[in-house]
N, C-alpha and C. Protein backbone atom coordinates (compact mmCIF):
# COMPACT_ATOMS: atom_id res chain seq x y z
N MET A 1 163.40 135.05 73.41
CA MET A 1 163.83 133.50 73.40
C MET A 1 162.20 132.72 73.37
N ILE A 2 162.93 132.00 72.83
CA ILE A 2 161.10 130.27 72.12
C ILE A 2 161.64 129.63 73.66
N ARG A 3 160.51 129.89 73.89
CA ARG A 3 160.70 127.91 75.00
C ARG A 3 159.98 126.94 74.37
N ILE A 4 160.86 126.00 74.71
CA ILE A 4 159.55 125.09 74.10
C ILE A 4 159.39 123.50 74.44
N VAL A 5 158.35 123.43 75.11
CA VAL A 5 158.27 121.71 75.54
C VAL A 5 158.04 120.70 74.78
N ILE A 6 159.17 119.37 74.69
CA ILE A 6 159.00 118.50 73.55
C ILE A 6 157.42 117.55 74.57
N ALA A 7 157.83 116.61 74.17
CA ALA A 7 156.47 115.85 74.54
C ALA A 7 157.02 114.13 73.45
N ASP A 8 157.33 113.01 73.77
CA ASP A 8 157.21 111.68 72.66
C ASP A 8 158.15 111.07 73.48
N ASP A 9 157.98 109.89 73.56
CA ASP A 9 157.58 108.87 74.33
C ASP A 9 158.98 107.53 73.83
N HIS A 10 159.44 108.08 72.36
CA HIS A 10 161.13 107.66 72.74
C HIS A 10 161.85 107.82 72.78
N ARG A 11 163.04 108.07 73.82
CA ARG A 11 164.26 108.55 74.69
C ARG A 11 164.67 109.60 73.24
N VAL A 12 165.36 108.37 72.48
CA VAL A 12 166.10 108.86 71.91
C VAL A 12 165.98 110.15 70.65
N VAL A 13 164.65 109.52 70.30
CA VAL A 13 164.11 110.68 69.75
C VAL A 13 163.90 112.25 70.63
N ARG A 14 163.34 111.31 71.91
CA ARG A 14 163.85 113.57 72.80
C ARG A 14 164.79 113.60 72.61
N THR A 15 165.63 113.15 73.23
CA THR A 15 166.53 113.37 73.27
C THR A 15 167.67 114.10 72.85
N GLY A 16 167.83 113.70 71.03
CA GLY A 16 167.76 113.82 70.29
C GLY A 16 167.25 115.39 69.64
N LEU A 17 165.25 115.66 69.67
CA LEU A 17 165.10 117.15 69.57
C LEU A 17 166.51 117.79 70.92
N GLU A 18 166.36 117.46 72.50
CA GLU A 18 167.12 118.35 72.86
C GLU A 18 168.46 118.69 72.45
N GLN A 19 169.33 118.45 71.83
CA GLN A 19 170.49 118.46 71.34
C GLN A 19 170.46 119.28 70.60
N LEU A 20 169.35 118.86 69.28
CA LEU A 20 169.29 120.10 67.86
C LEU A 20 168.93 121.00 68.84
N ILE A 21 167.61 121.68 69.70
CA ILE A 21 167.37 122.24 69.68
C ILE A 21 168.14 123.27 70.60
N GLY A 22 169.18 122.53 71.40
CA GLY A 22 169.96 123.14 72.94
C GLY A 22 170.62 124.31 71.57
N THR A 23 171.02 123.37 69.85
CA THR A 23 172.18 124.15 69.84
C THR A 23 171.84 126.19 69.12
N PHE A 24 170.99 126.14 69.88
CA PHE A 24 169.83 127.07 68.78
C PHE A 24 170.90 128.49 70.23
N ASP A 25 171.07 129.24 69.86
CA ASP A 25 170.92 130.22 70.63
C ASP A 25 170.04 131.30 71.25
N ASP A 26 168.68 130.87 70.88
CA ASP A 26 167.60 132.15 70.39
C ASP A 26 166.57 130.98 71.11
N VAL A 27 166.49 129.78 71.14
CA VAL A 27 164.84 128.44 71.89
C VAL A 27 165.80 127.71 72.74
N GLU A 28 165.03 127.89 73.85
CA GLU A 28 165.66 127.52 75.45
C GLU A 28 164.01 126.21 75.35
N VAL A 29 164.90 125.11 75.90
CA VAL A 29 163.50 123.80 76.33
C VAL A 29 163.59 123.67 77.40
N VAL A 30 162.62 123.09 77.67
CA VAL A 30 162.08 124.43 78.95
C VAL A 30 160.86 123.04 79.56
N GLY A 31 160.48 122.36 78.90
CA GLY A 31 160.18 120.81 79.33
C GLY A 31 160.06 119.52 78.05
N SER A 32 160.77 118.05 78.79
CA SER A 32 160.39 117.66 78.22
C SER A 32 159.99 116.38 78.88
N GLY A 33 158.47 115.89 78.03
CA GLY A 33 157.80 114.28 78.69
C GLY A 33 157.96 113.00 77.86
N VAL A 34 158.02 112.17 78.56
CA VAL A 34 157.19 111.16 78.38
C VAL A 34 155.86 110.45 77.39
N ASN A 35 155.51 111.19 77.80
CA ASN A 35 153.33 110.90 77.69
C ASN A 35 152.62 112.12 77.22
N GLY A 36 151.34 113.24 76.70
CA GLY A 36 151.39 113.49 76.40
C GLY A 36 150.60 114.27 77.64
N GLU A 37 150.08 113.54 79.09
CA GLU A 37 149.70 114.39 80.04
C GLU A 37 151.28 114.95 80.28
N GLU A 38 152.32 114.50 80.71
CA GLU A 38 153.16 115.16 80.84
C GLU A 38 153.36 116.66 80.14
N ALA A 39 152.91 116.96 79.29
CA ALA A 39 153.01 117.70 77.75
C ALA A 39 151.83 118.99 79.04
N VAL A 40 151.19 117.78 78.68
CA VAL A 40 150.24 119.14 79.17
C VAL A 40 150.30 119.98 80.61
N GLU A 41 150.94 119.27 81.43
CA GLU A 41 151.12 119.69 82.82
C GLU A 41 152.23 120.44 82.22
N MET A 42 153.34 120.66 81.40
CA MET A 42 154.73 121.32 81.34
C MET A 42 154.46 122.43 80.68
N CYS A 43 153.32 122.71 79.83
CA CYS A 43 152.68 123.77 79.22
C CYS A 43 152.00 124.71 79.73
N ALA A 44 151.51 124.36 80.96
CA ALA A 44 150.29 125.33 81.72
C ALA A 44 151.16 125.99 82.61
N ALA A 45 152.22 125.15 83.06
CA ALA A 45 152.84 125.07 84.27
C ALA A 45 153.84 126.65 83.17
N ALA A 46 154.49 126.04 82.67
CA ALA A 46 155.54 127.12 81.65
C ALA A 46 155.15 127.97 80.57
N GLN A 47 153.89 127.54 79.97
CA GLN A 47 153.22 128.75 79.11
C GLN A 47 154.10 129.07 77.75
N PRO A 48 154.97 127.92 77.38
CA PRO A 48 156.03 127.70 75.83
C PRO A 48 155.69 128.63 74.62
N GLU A 49 156.48 129.04 74.27
CA GLU A 49 155.70 129.35 72.47
C GLU A 49 155.34 128.65 71.73
N VAL A 50 156.11 127.25 72.06
CA VAL A 50 155.91 126.10 70.90
C VAL A 50 155.95 124.46 72.08
N ALA A 51 155.02 123.55 71.37
CA ALA A 51 155.28 122.46 71.97
C ALA A 51 154.98 122.07 70.82
N LEU A 52 155.76 120.70 70.92
CA LEU A 52 156.83 119.69 69.83
C LEU A 52 156.08 118.19 70.67
N ILE A 53 155.02 118.18 69.77
CA ILE A 53 153.96 116.52 71.01
C ILE A 53 153.71 115.78 69.19
N ASP A 54 154.28 113.88 69.81
CA ASP A 54 154.60 113.61 69.48
C ASP A 54 152.62 113.08 69.13
N LEU A 55 152.56 112.72 68.78
CA LEU A 55 150.95 111.57 67.74
C LEU A 55 151.23 110.59 69.01
N GLU A 56 151.70 109.42 68.80
CA GLU A 56 151.28 108.35 69.47
C GLU A 56 151.98 108.02 70.27
N MET A 57 151.38 108.54 71.75
CA MET A 57 152.15 108.31 73.27
C MET A 57 151.71 107.02 73.81
N PRO A 58 151.85 107.27 75.36
CA PRO A 58 151.14 106.45 75.86
C PRO A 58 150.63 107.12 76.89
N VAL A 59 149.31 107.08 77.35
CA VAL A 59 149.12 108.13 78.37
C VAL A 59 147.25 108.76 77.47
N LEU A 60 147.56 109.44 77.36
CA LEU A 60 147.29 110.85 76.57
C LEU A 60 148.49 110.91 75.15
N ASN A 61 147.21 110.52 74.01
CA ASN A 61 147.89 110.79 72.64
C ASN A 61 147.94 112.44 72.79
N GLY A 62 149.16 112.14 71.19
CA GLY A 62 148.88 113.81 70.66
C GLY A 62 147.51 114.36 70.23
N ILE A 63 146.77 113.59 70.02
CA ILE A 63 145.66 114.62 69.54
C ILE A 63 144.40 115.41 70.70
N GLU A 64 144.35 114.39 71.75
CA GLU A 64 143.89 114.81 72.94
C GLU A 64 144.86 115.94 74.20
N ALA A 65 146.07 115.91 73.90
CA ALA A 65 147.71 116.61 74.38
C ALA A 65 146.92 117.59 73.91
N THR A 66 147.51 118.21 72.50
CA THR A 66 146.80 118.84 72.06
C THR A 66 145.54 120.29 72.64
N ARG A 67 144.82 119.05 71.94
CA ARG A 67 143.10 119.91 72.73
C ARG A 67 143.64 120.74 73.45
N ARG A 68 143.97 119.85 75.09
CA ARG A 68 144.71 120.61 76.35
C ARG A 68 145.68 121.42 76.67
N ILE A 69 146.46 121.08 75.84
CA ILE A 69 146.68 122.37 76.11
C ILE A 69 147.19 123.24 74.96
N LEU A 70 145.69 123.09 74.39
CA LEU A 70 145.21 124.80 74.21
C LEU A 70 144.59 125.48 74.89
N ASP A 71 144.05 124.27 75.32
CA ASP A 71 143.00 124.67 76.92
C ASP A 71 143.60 125.84 78.90
N ALA A 72 144.59 124.53 78.46
CA ALA A 72 145.58 125.55 79.41
C ALA A 72 146.20 126.31 78.78
N SER A 73 147.07 126.44 77.65
CA SER A 73 147.91 127.52 77.27
C SER A 73 147.92 127.95 76.92
N PRO A 74 146.53 129.15 75.73
CA PRO A 74 145.93 129.38 74.64
C PRO A 74 147.35 130.33 73.20
N ALA A 75 148.07 130.74 74.19
CA ALA A 75 149.16 130.89 72.77
C ALA A 75 149.92 130.32 72.63
N THR A 76 149.98 128.92 73.40
CA THR A 76 150.81 127.65 72.57
C THR A 76 150.88 127.52 71.64
N SER A 77 151.65 127.61 69.91
CA SER A 77 151.63 126.28 68.69
C SER A 77 152.27 125.54 69.13
N VAL A 78 151.40 124.22 68.27
CA VAL A 78 151.22 122.92 68.45
C VAL A 78 151.63 122.19 67.51
N ILE A 79 153.14 121.74 67.39
CA ILE A 79 153.64 120.92 66.63
C ILE A 79 153.24 119.87 66.43
N VAL A 80 153.09 118.90 65.56
CA VAL A 80 153.58 117.19 66.13
C VAL A 80 153.87 116.91 64.55
N PHE A 81 154.27 115.82 65.63
CA PHE A 81 154.96 115.28 64.71
C PHE A 81 155.09 113.61 65.02
N THR A 82 155.45 112.58 64.09
CA THR A 82 155.45 111.16 64.15
C THR A 82 155.69 110.42 63.42
N SER A 83 156.15 109.27 63.28
CA SER A 83 156.27 108.50 62.37
C SER A 83 156.41 107.10 62.68
N PHE A 84 156.09 106.32 62.12
CA PHE A 84 155.71 104.82 61.58
C PHE A 84 156.34 104.22 60.79
N SER A 85 157.39 102.55 61.39
CA SER A 85 158.25 102.11 60.67
C SER A 85 157.54 100.94 59.75
N ASP A 86 155.64 101.13 59.23
CA ASP A 86 155.48 100.64 58.40
C ASP A 86 155.05 101.19 56.99
N ARG A 87 155.38 100.76 56.05
CA ARG A 87 155.27 101.23 54.58
C ARG A 87 153.75 101.29 54.52
């Protein structure tokens, strides 16, 4: 089982990722948060295999969250994603 933490401040994106990941038999979302600080806390507690982290979030951005996640949970692979509406 691959355990995943998701952090994105946009509810629609976060919910969509949770639903998509929920369709896989061998993948489980073990935490979902709205900012980088929550992601760090969830990764420290759950020690997931993967963390999906939005780059732009309030409280703690994805770059600093990634640093802290890797310190607290070095076996976790971090995938950073983001989107911008500005072309």
